[in-house]
Amino acid sequence: MKNCVWMIAATVLAAGCGQPTSNWRDWFTNSKQTPEEERALAAKRAEEAKPEPPPTILPTTYIAAGRMLESNGDIAGAIAQYQRAIAANPREITAYSRLGIAYQRIGQFQEAEKTIQKGLAIDPDAAHLHNNLGYGFMMQQKYDLAIGAFQKALAIKPDFKRARMNLAMTFGRIGRMDESLSEFQRVVPADSAHYNVAVLCMQQSRNADAKRHFSQALAINPTCPGAREGLERLQQLAVPVTAQSPTPATYTLTPDGLHQSVATSNQDVGTTP
């Protein structure tokens, strides 16, 4: 009988507990925490409750997006992407190069120069940046500055074909044809070098010199593309224009012996814009 009374009392005592067992456990545990520990625990829980940060976008992703926009003719959009690439990594040389080229494409040469100079401050030995700087000077007819920039690029990277083509073209534009020919001959076959100089002579109405270089191109290579047509054009210029005269052809410089313009001779590392 006495045992039954004790079992009933234990049951009533347990049933009279107003808190679930887990809350009693929490109370017991918390009662042992110092205020500092409680604050640390609260801070940890607040940190765990924060949302995950958005994924980081790499500068190369912005650059790739900018190049795609450039290829579609959206220069303003490309500029914004290159600026984001620089903001993501202020030492991303390719971003400075592409941003400078984009500014040049819309005629903002001062912005282009400032941008390229910022890249050169990070890497003074970036030959492609010196070439791009020279290209901007050449487009503004600042030929002495252009020559200096191209020569710096070539001092760093003597086999930099684009920089040497640009240097040759700049020499030709200021009438230094012998130096122009010498530089062209270092990057294209001899007949193409004479063809290029002939075209530069024609652009300056130096028709006698143009005839001589077209003839030399044909003497080296009788099938030199464009040289025979150039001579025929010069013959047309020597006689009065009549209503029956054919429409004159337009001649462009020919790097690698191909009939294509070299007026896009700015570039960044490992790429051709």
C-alpha atoms as a PDB file:
ATOM      1  CA  MET A   1       0.000   0.000   0.000  1.00  0.00           C
ATOM      2  CA  LYS A   2       2.830   2.374   0.915  1.00  0.00           C
ATOM      3  CA  ASN A   3       4.531   1.653  -2.406  1.00  0.00           C
ATOM      4  CA  CYS A   4       1.367   2.581  -4.296  1.00  0.00           C
ATOM      5  CA  VAL A   5       1.190   5.951  -2.488  1.00  0.00           C
ATOM      6  CA  TRP A   6       4.762   6.795  -3.508  1.00  0.00           C
ATOM      7  CA  MET A   7       4.089   5.904  -7.162  1.00  0.00           C
ATOM      8  CA  ILE A   8       0.957   8.120  -7.187  1.00  0.00           C
ATOM      9  CA  ALA A   9       2.888  11.011  -5.622  1.00  0.00           C
ATOM     10  CA  ALA A  10       5.680  10.691  -8.199  1.00  0.00           C
ATOM     11  CA  THR A  11       3.142  10.637 -10.985  1.00  0.00           C
ATOM     12  CA  VAL A  12       1.363  13.736  -9.677  1.00  0.00           C
ATOM     13  CA  LEU A  13       4.684  15.526  -9.216  1.00  0.00           C
ATOM     14  CA  ALA A  14       5.731  14.779 -12.785  1.00  0.00           C
ATOM     15  CA  ALA A  15       2.321  15.717 -14.165  1.00  0.00           C
ATOM     16  CA  GLY A  16       2.411  18.994 -12.279  1.00  0.00           C
ATOM     17  CA  CYS A  17       5.492  20.142 -14.238  1.00  0.00           C
ATOM     18  CA  GLY A  18       4.336  23.211 -16.166  1.00  0.00           C
ATOM     19  CA  GLN A  19       7.233  23.192 -18.710  1.00  0.00           C
ATOM     20  CA  PRO A  20       8.199  20.575 -21.312  1.00  0.00           C
ATOM     21  CA  THR A  21      11.335  18.665 -20.514  1.00  0.00           C
ATOM     22  CA  SER A  22      13.265  20.377 -23.361  1.00  0.00           C
ATOM     23  CA  ASN A  23      12.508  23.849 -21.921  1.00  0.00           C
ATOM     24  CA  TRP A  24      13.791  22.741 -18.558  1.00  0.00           C
ATOM     25  CA  ARG A  25      16.945  21.589 -20.308  1.00  0.00           C
ATOM     26  CA  ASP A  26      17.319  24.973 -22.053  1.00  0.00           C
ATOM     27  CA  TRP A  27      16.790  26.792 -18.811  1.00  0.00           C
ATOM     28  CA  PHE A  28      19.352  24.642 -17.078  1.00  0.00           C
ATOM     29  CA  THR A  29      21.865  25.177 -19.866  1.00  0.00           C
ATOM     30  CA  ASN A  30      21.245  28.922 -20.215  1.00  0.00           C
ATOM     31  CA  SER A  31      21.470  29.408 -16.519  1.00  0.00           C
ATOM     32  CA  LYS A  32      25.149  28.480 -16.792  1.00  0.00           C
ATOM     33  CA  GLN A  33      25.970  31.047 -19.594  1.00  0.00           C
ATOM     34  CA  THR A  34      27.616  34.313 -18.727  1.00  0.00           C
ATOM     35  CA  PRO A  35      26.268  37.554 -20.275  1.00  0.00           C
ATOM     36  CA  GLU A  36      29.264  37.628 -22.607  1.00  0.00           C
ATOM     37  CA  GLU A  37      28.512  34.106 -23.796  1.00  0.00           C
ATOM     38  CA  GLU A  38      24.871  34.975 -24.331  1.00  0.00           C
ATOM     39  CA  ARG A  39      25.836  38.001 -26.445  1.00  0.00           C
ATOM     40  CA  ALA A  40      28.273  35.885 -28.458  1.00  0.00           C
ATOM     41  CA  LEU A  41      25.603  33.269 -29.047  1.00  0.00           C
ATOM     42  CA  ALA A  42      23.113  35.912 -30.157  1.00  0.00           C
ATOM     43  CA  ALA A  43      25.671  37.427 -32.540  1.00  0.00           C
ATOM     44  CA  LYS A  44      26.416  33.996 -34.000  1.00  0.00           C
ATOM     45  CA  ARG A  45      22.725  33.302 -34.597  1.00  0.00           C
ATOM     46  CA  ALA A  46      22.308  36.738 -36.234  1.00  0.00           C
ATOM     47  CA  GLU A  47      25.255  36.040 -38.511  1.00  0.00           C
ATOM     48  CA  GLU A  48      23.840  32.662 -39.491  1.00  0.00           C
ATOM     49  CA  ALA A  49      20.526  34.317 -40.329  1.00  0.00           C
ATOM     50  CA  LYS A  50      22.107  36.701 -42.880  1.00  0.00           C
ATOM     51  CA  PRO A  51      21.338  35.958 -46.557  1.00  0.00           C
ATOM     52  CA  GLU A  52      24.100  34.548 -48.734  1.00  0.00           C
ATOM     53  CA  PRO A  53      26.082  37.266 -50.600  1.00  0.00           C
ATOM     54  CA  PRO A  54      25.611  37.399 -54.366  1.00  0.00           C
ATOM     55  CA  PRO A  55      28.246  35.567 -56.445  1.00  0.00           C
ATOM     56  CA  THR A  56      31.333  37.586 -57.382  1.00  0.00           C
ATOM     57  CA  ILE A  57      31.580  38.542 -61.072  1.00  0.00           C
ATOM     58  CA  LEU A  58      35.131  38.227 -62.370  1.00  0.00           C
ATOM     59  CA  PRO A  59      36.750  41.074 -64.361  1.00  0.00           C
ATOM     60  CA  THR A  60      37.248  38.680 -67.268  1.00  0.00           C
ATOM     61  CA  THR A  61      33.478  38.199 -67.422  1.00  0.00           C
ATOM     62  CA  TYR A  62      32.951  41.950 -67.783  1.00  0.00           C
ATOM     63  CA  ILE A  63      35.664  42.085 -70.453  1.00  0.00           C
ATOM     64  CA  ALA A  64      34.068  39.250 -72.429  1.00  0.00           C
ATOM     65  CA  ALA A  65      30.709  41.023 -72.258  1.00  0.00           C
ATOM     66  CA  GLY A  66      32.334  44.258 -73.410  1.00  0.00           C
ATOM     67  CA  ARG A  67      33.956  42.606 -76.399  1.00  0.00           C
ATOM     68  CA  MET A  68      30.670  41.063 -77.416  1.00  0.00           C
ATOM     69  CA  LEU A  69      28.984  44.480 -77.220  1.00  0.00           C
ATOM     70  CA  GLU A  70      31.854  46.009 -79.224  1.00  0.00           C
ATOM     71  CA  SER A  71      31.423  43.427 -81.950  1.00  0.00           C
ATOM     72  CA  ASN A  72      27.738  44.369 -82.115  1.00  0.00           C
ATOM     73  CA  GLY A  73      28.532  48.062 -82.415  1.00  0.00           C
ATOM     74  CA  ASP A  74      27.397  48.984 -78.897  1.00  0.00           C
ATOM     75  CA  ILE A  75      30.476  50.962 -77.878  1.00  0.00           C
ATOM     76  CA  ALA A  76      28.756  52.753 -74.985  1.00  0.00           C
ATOM     77  CA  GLY A  77      27.692  49.421 -73.517  1.00  0.00           C
ATOM     78  CA  ALA A  78      31.201  48.030 -73.992  1.00  0.00           C
ATOM     79  CA  ILE A  79      32.720  51.014 -72.207  1.00  0.00           C
ATOM     80  CA  ALA A  80      30.444  50.423 -69.218  1.00  0.00           C
ATOM     81  CA  GLN A  81      31.535  46.766 -69.042  1.00  0.00           C
ATOM     82  CA  TYR A  82      35.240  47.627 -69.206  1.00  0.00           C
ATOM     83  CA  GLN A  83      34.766  50.214 -66.469  1.00  0.00           C
ATOM     84  CA  ARG A  84      33.131  47.541 -64.301  1.00  0.00           C
ATOM     85  CA  ALA A  85      36.081  45.240 -64.953  1.00  0.00           C
ATOM     86  CA  ILE A  86      38.465  47.929 -63.715  1.00  0.00           C
ATOM     87  CA  ALA A  87      36.284  48.552 -60.657  1.00  0.00           C
ATOM     88  CA  ALA A  88      36.389  44.812 -59.902  1.00  0.00           C
ATOM     89  CA  ASN A  89      40.169  44.688 -60.327  1.00  0.00           C
ATOM     90  CA  PRO A  90      42.010  48.017 -60.740  1.00  0.00           C
ATOM     91  CA  ARG A  91      45.112  46.144 -61.969  1.00  0.00           C
ATOM     92  CA  GLU A  92      43.368  44.341 -64.862  1.00  0.00           C
ATOM     93  CA  ILE A  93      45.568  45.510 -67.770  1.00  0.00           C
ATOM     94  CA  THR A  94      43.353  44.069 -70.497  1.00  0.00           C
ATOM     95  CA  ALA A  95      40.446  46.185 -69.245  1.00  0.00           C
ATOM     96  CA  TYR A  96      42.488  49.377 -69.645  1.00  0.00           C
ATOM     97  CA  SER A  97      43.540  48.285 -73.126  1.00  0.00           C
ATOM     98  CA  ARG A  98      40.002  47.496 -74.283  1.00  0.00           C
ATOM     99  CA  LEU A  99      38.570  50.650 -72.696  1.00  0.00           C
ATOM    100  CA  GLY A 100      41.202  52.766 -74.450  1.00  0.00           C
ATOM    101  CA  ILE A 101      40.427  51.134 -77.793  1.00  0.00           C
ATOM    102  CA  ALA A 102      36.700  51.705 -77.272  1.00  0.00           C
ATOM    103  CA  TYR A 103      37.276  55.402 -76.587  1.00  0.00           C
ATOM    104  CA  GLN A 104      39.413  55.640 -79.735  1.00  0.00           C
ATOM    105  CA  ARG A 105      36.646  54.080 -81.798  1.00  0.00           C
ATOM    106  CA  ILE A 106      34.278  56.922 -80.906  1.00  0.00           C
ATOM    107  CA  GLY A 107      36.908  59.643 -81.257  1.00  0.00           C
ATOM    108  CA  GLN A 108      37.370  60.339 -77.531  1.00  0.00           C
ATOM    109  CA  PHE A 109      41.147  60.400 -77.812  1.00  0.00           C
ATOM    110  CA  GLN A 110      41.843  62.272 -74.581  1.00  0.00           C
ATOM    111  CA  GLU A 111      39.887  59.719 -72.548  1.00  0.00           C
ATOM    112  CA  ALA A 112      41.642  56.953 -74.457  1.00  0.00           C
ATOM    113  CA  GLU A 113      45.066  58.401 -73.691  1.00  0.00           C
ATOM    114  CA  LYS A 114      44.275  58.840 -69.967  1.00  0.00           C
ATOM    115  CA  THR A 115      42.977  55.283 -69.765  1.00  0.00           C
ATOM    116  CA  ILE A 116      45.991  53.772 -71.518  1.00  0.00           C
ATOM    117  CA  GLN A 117      48.393  55.806 -69.379  1.00  0.00           C
ATOM    118  CA  LYS A 118      46.717  54.409 -66.254  1.00  0.00           C
ATOM    119  CA  GLY A 119      47.394  50.928 -67.593  1.00  0.00           C
ATOM    120  CA  LEU A 120      51.010  51.819 -68.318  1.00  0.00           C
ATOM    121  CA  ALA A 121      51.416  53.128 -64.768  1.00  0.00           C
ATOM    122  CA  ILE A 122      50.593  49.591 -63.614  1.00  0.00           C
ATOM    123  CA  ASP A 123      52.699  47.820 -66.263  1.00  0.00           C
ATOM    124  CA  PRO A 124      55.197  50.090 -68.070  1.00  0.00           C
ATOM    125  CA  ASP A 125      56.384  47.125 -70.161  1.00  0.00           C
ATOM    126  CA  ALA A 126      52.986  46.391 -71.722  1.00  0.00           C
ATOM    127  CA  ALA A 127      54.011  46.694 -75.376  1.00  0.00           C
ATOM    128  CA  HIS A 128      50.436  46.521 -76.633  1.00  0.00           C
ATOM    129  CA  LEU A 129      49.513  49.569 -74.532  1.00  0.00           C
ATOM    130  CA  HIS A 130      52.350  51.599 -76.067  1.00  0.00           C
ATOM    131  CA  ASN A 131      51.131  50.503 -79.501  1.00  0.00           C
ATOM    132  CA  ASN A 132      47.557  51.511 -78.704  1.00  0.00           C
ATOM    133  CA  LEU A 133      48.754  54.861 -77.387  1.00  0.00           C
ATOM    134  CA  GLY A 134      50.677  55.427 -80.616  1.00  0.00           C
ATOM    135  CA  TYR A 135      47.670  54.465 -82.677  1.00  0.00           C
ATOM    136  CA  GLY A 136      45.632  57.196 -81.006  1.00  0.00           C
ATOM    137  CA  PHE A 137      48.365  59.731 -81.685  1.00  0.00           C
ATOM    138  CA  MET A 138      48.542  58.626 -85.317  1.00  0.00           C
ATOM    139  CA  MET A 139      44.795  59.042 -85.742  1.00  0.00           C
ATOM    140  CA  GLN A 140      45.127  62.588 -84.405  1.00  0.00           C
ATOM    141  CA  GLN A 141      48.036  63.266 -86.764  1.00  0.00           C
ATOM    142  CA  LYS A 142      50.407  63.686 -83.818  1.00  0.00           C
ATOM    143  CA  TYR A 143      53.019  61.790 -85.746  1.00  0.00           C
ATOM    144  CA  ASP A 144      56.101  62.490 -83.621  1.00  0.00           C
ATOM    145  CA  LEU A 145      54.316  61.200 -80.524  1.00  0.00           C
ATOM    146  CA  ALA A 146      53.026  58.216 -82.482  1.00  0.00           C
ATOM    147  CA  ILE A 147      56.514  57.291 -83.672  1.00  0.00           C
ATOM    148  CA  GLY A 148      57.849  57.498 -80.113  1.00  0.00           C
ATOM    149  CA  ALA A 149      55.094  55.251 -78.784  1.00  0.00           C
ATOM    150  CA  PHE A 150      55.544  52.638 -81.517  1.00  0.00           C
ATOM    151  CA  GLN A 151      59.296  52.625 -80.981  1.00  0.00           C
ATOM    152  CA  LYS A 152      58.776  52.043 -77.245  1.00  0.00           C
ATOM    153  CA  ALA A 153      56.505  49.108 -78.049  1.00  0.00           C
ATOM    154  CA  LEU A 154      59.147  47.648 -80.359  1.00  0.00           C
ATOM    155  CA  ALA A 155      61.938  48.204 -77.836  1.00  0.00           C
ATOM    156  CA  ILE A 156      59.968  46.008 -75.435  1.00  0.00           C
ATOM    157  CA  LYS A 157      58.814  43.496 -78.045  1.00  0.00           C
ATOM    158  CA  PRO A 158      60.891  43.651 -81.265  1.00  0.00           C
ATOM    159  CA  ASP A 159      58.714  41.059 -83.040  1.00  0.00           C
ATOM    160  CA  PHE A 160      55.509  43.055 -82.425  1.00  0.00           C
ATOM    161  CA  LYS A 161      54.193  43.040 -85.989  1.00  0.00           C
ATOM    162  CA  ARG A 162      51.295  45.430 -85.531  1.00  0.00           C
ATOM    163  CA  ALA A 163      53.475  48.078 -83.893  1.00  0.00           C
ATOM    164  CA  ARG A 164      56.000  47.848 -86.731  1.00  0.00           C
ATOM    165  CA  MET A 165      53.267  48.109 -89.364  1.00  0.00           C
ATOM    166  CA  ASN A 166      51.946  51.195 -87.615  1.00  0.00           C
ATOM    167  CA  LEU A 167      55.435  52.680 -87.407  1.00  0.00           C
ATOM    168  CA  ALA A 168      55.948  52.066 -91.133  1.00  0.00           C
ATOM    169  CA  MET A 169      52.616  53.670 -91.965  1.00  0.00           C
ATOM    170  CA  THR A 170      53.368  56.688 -89.769  1.00  0.00           C
ATOM    171  CA  PHE A 171      56.723  57.214 -91.474  1.00  0.00           C
ATOM    172  CA  GLY A 172      54.916  57.067 -94.808  1.00  0.00           C
ATOM    173  CA  ARG A 173      52.306  59.604 -93.763  1.00  0.00           C
ATOM    174  CA  ILE A 174      54.990  62.191 -93.043  1.00  0.00           C
ATOM    175  CA  GLY A 175      56.875  61.484 -96.257  1.00  0.00           C
ATOM    176  CA  ARG A 176      59.743  59.457 -94.802  1.00  0.00           C
ATOM    177  CA  MET A 177      59.317  56.793 -97.459  1.00  0.00           C
ATOM    178  CA  ASP A 178      62.706  55.120 -97.155  1.00  0.00           C
ATOM    179  CA  GLU A 179      62.138  54.507 -93.443  1.00  0.00           C
ATOM    180  CA  SER A 180      58.590  53.397 -94.180  1.00  0.00           C
ATOM    181  CA  LEU A 181      59.821  50.882 -96.744  1.00  0.00           C
ATOM    182  CA  SER A 182      62.497  49.593 -94.371  1.00  0.00           C
ATOM    183  CA  GLU A 183      59.949  48.920 -91.616  1.00  0.00           C
ATOM    184  CA  PHE A 184      57.442  47.319 -93.985  1.00  0.00           C
ATOM    185  CA  GLN A 185      60.142  44.990 -95.298  1.00  0.00           C
ATOM    186  CA  ARG A 186      60.651  43.617 -91.799  1.00  0.00           C
ATOM    187  CA  VAL A 187      57.094  42.310 -91.559  1.00  0.00           C
ATOM    188  CA  VAL A 188      55.813  41.630 -95.098  1.00  0.00           C
ATOM    189  CA  PRO A 189      57.349  40.285 -98.333  1.00  0.00           C
ATOM    190  CA  ALA A 190      59.387  42.769-100.379  1.00  0.00           C
ATOM    191  CA  ASP A 191      56.761  43.132-103.116  1.00  0.00           C
ATOM    192  CA  SER A 192      54.053  43.904-100.551  1.00  0.00           C
ATOM    193  CA  ALA A 193      56.346  46.427 -98.850  1.00  0.00           C
ATOM    194  CA  HIS A 194      56.782  48.318-102.139  1.00  0.00           C
ATOM    195  CA  TYR A 195      53.044  48.083-102.783  1.00  0.00           C
ATOM    196  CA  ASN A 196      52.299  49.609 -99.363  1.00  0.00           C
ATOM    197  CA  VAL A 197      54.703  52.486 -99.935  1.00  0.00           C
ATOM    198  CA  ALA A 198      53.195  53.071-103.379  1.00  0.00           C
ATOM    199  CA  VAL A 199      49.742  53.383-101.824  1.00  0.00           C
ATOM    200  CA  LEU A 200      51.042  55.893 -99.283  1.00  0.00           C
ATOM    201  CA  CYS A 201      52.644  57.859-102.111  1.00  0.00           C
ATOM    202  CA  MET A 202      49.353  57.909-104.024  1.00  0.00           C
ATOM    203  CA  GLN A 203      47.548  59.209-100.945  1.00  0.00           C
ATOM    204  CA  GLN A 204      49.950  62.167-100.971  1.00  0.00           C
ATOM    205  CA  SER A 205      49.729  62.666-104.761  1.00  0.00           C
ATOM    206  CA  ARG A 206      53.363  61.618-105.140  1.00  0.00           C
ATOM    207  CA  ASN A 207      52.466  59.771-108.290  1.00  0.00           C
ATOM    208  CA  ALA A 208      55.981  59.434-109.719  1.00  0.00           C
ATOM    209  CA  ASP A 209      57.160  57.740-106.503  1.00  0.00           C
ATOM    210  CA  ALA A 210      54.026  55.598-106.452  1.00  0.00           C
ATOM    211  CA  LYS A 211      54.706  54.457-110.033  1.00  0.00           C
ATOM    212  CA  ARG A 212      58.271  53.541-109.106  1.00  0.00           C
ATOM    213  CA  HIS A 213      57.217  51.438-106.123  1.00  0.00           C
ATOM    214  CA  PHE A 214      54.389  49.700-107.995  1.00  0.00           C
ATOM    215  CA  SER A 215      56.908  48.847-110.725  1.00  0.00           C
ATOM    216  CA  GLN A 216      59.394  47.518-108.169  1.00  0.00           C
ATOM    217  CA  ALA A 217      56.683  45.386-106.616  1.00  0.00           C
ATOM    218  CA  LEU A 218      55.942  43.855-110.026  1.00  0.00           C
ATOM    219  CA  ALA A 219      59.637  43.348-110.746  1.00  0.00           C
ATOM    220  CA  ILE A 220      59.911  41.285-107.563  1.00  0.00           C
ATOM    221  CA  ASN A 221      56.605  39.501-108.030  1.00  0.00           C
ATOM    222  CA  PRO A 222      54.851  39.853-111.417  1.00  0.00           C
ATOM    223  CA  THR A 223      51.615  38.653-109.817  1.00  0.00           C
ATOM    224  CA  CYS A 224      51.742  41.073-106.880  1.00  0.00           C
ATOM    225  CA  PRO A 225      48.066  41.688-106.088  1.00  0.00           C
ATOM    226  CA  GLY A 226      46.972  45.243-106.810  1.00  0.00           C
ATOM    227  CA  ALA A 227      50.267  46.550-108.176  1.00  0.00           C
ATOM    228  CA  ARG A 228      49.293  46.318-111.861  1.00  0.00           C
ATOM    229  CA  GLU A 229      45.926  47.905-111.120  1.00  0.00           C
ATOM    230  CA  GLY A 230      47.771  50.672-109.279  1.00  0.00           C
ATOM    231  CA  LEU A 231      49.865  51.437-112.350  1.00  0.00           C
ATOM    232  CA  GLU A 232      46.738  51.498-114.499  1.00  0.00           C
ATOM    233  CA  ARG A 233      45.139  53.928-112.073  1.00  0.00           C
ATOM    234  CA  LEU A 234      48.180  56.194-112.299  1.00  0.00           C
ATOM    235  CA  GLN A 235      47.914  56.161-116.097  1.00  0.00           C
ATOM    236  CA  GLN A 236      44.265  57.208-115.804  1.00  0.00           C
ATOM    237  CA  LEU A 237      45.271  60.102-113.572  1.00  0.00           C
ATOM    238  CA  ALA A 238      47.757  61.253-116.186  1.00  0.00           C
ATOM    239  CA  VAL A 239      45.040  61.854-118.814  1.00  0.00           C
ATOM    240  CA  PRO A 240      41.907  64.052-118.663  1.00  0.00           C
ATOM    241  CA  VAL A 241      38.891  62.381-117.085  1.00  0.00           C
ATOM    242  CA  THR A 242      36.083  61.665-119.545  1.00  0.00           C
ATOM    243  CA  ALA A 243      32.556  60.403-119.132  1.00  0.00           C
ATOM    244  CA  GLN A 244      33.757  56.999-120.353  1.00  0.00           C
ATOM    245  CA  SER A 245      36.550  56.719-117.796  1.00  0.00           C
ATOM    246  CA  PRO A 246      36.090  53.783-115.427  1.00  0.00           C
ATOM    247  CA  THR A 247      35.386  54.411-111.781  1.00  0.00           C
ATOM    248  CA  PRO A 248      38.751  54.524-110.006  1.00  0.00           C
ATOM    249  CA  ALA A 249      39.527  51.779-107.563  1.00  0.00           C
ATOM    250  CA  THR A 250      40.312  52.412-103.902  1.00  0.00           C
ATOM    251  CA  TYR A 251      43.615  50.996-102.688  1.00  0.00           C
ATOM    252  CA  THR A 252      44.485  50.089 -99.121  1.00  0.00           C
ATOM    253  CA  LEU A 253      47.653  48.947 -97.409  1.00  0.00           C
ATOM    254  CA  THR A 254      48.325  45.262 -97.328  1.00  0.00           C
ATOM    255  CA  PRO A 255      49.885  43.621 -94.265  1.00  0.00           C
ATOM    256  CA  ASP A 256      50.872  39.999 -94.816  1.00  0.00           C
ATOM    257  CA  GLY A 257      50.516  40.583 -98.560  1.00  0.00           C
ATOM    258  CA  LEU A 258      46.709  40.645 -98.287  1.00  0.00           C
ATOM    259  CA  HIS A 259      44.483  43.431 -99.531  1.00  0.00           C
ATOM    260  CA  GLN A 260      43.134  44.655 -96.244  1.00  0.00           C
ATOM    261  CA  SER A 261      43.497  47.872 -94.333  1.00  0.00           C
ATOM    262  CA  VAL A 262      45.845  48.180 -91.373  1.00  0.00           C
ATOM    263  CA  ALA A 263      43.803  51.042 -89.954  1.00  0.00           C
ATOM    264  CA  THR A 264      42.687  48.866 -87.030  1.00  0.00           C
ATOM    265  CA  SER A 265      46.175  48.170 -85.778  1.00  0.00           C
ATOM    266  CA  ASN A 266      45.551  48.506 -82.079  1.00  0.00           C
ATOM    267  CA  GLN A 267      45.257  45.434 -79.914  1.00  0.00           C
ATOM    268  CA  ASP A 268      45.550  43.931 -76.463  1.00  0.00           C
ATOM    269  CA  VAL A 269      47.364  40.836 -75.301  1.00  0.00           C
ATOM    270  CA  GLY A 270      46.823  37.835 -77.500  1.00  0.00           C
ATOM    271  CA  THR A 271      43.842  39.262 -79.332  1.00  0.00           C
ATOM    272  CA  THR A 272      42.939  40.973 -82.557  1.00  0.00           C
ATOM    273  CA  PRO A 273      40.177  43.574 -82.211  1.00  0.00           C
END
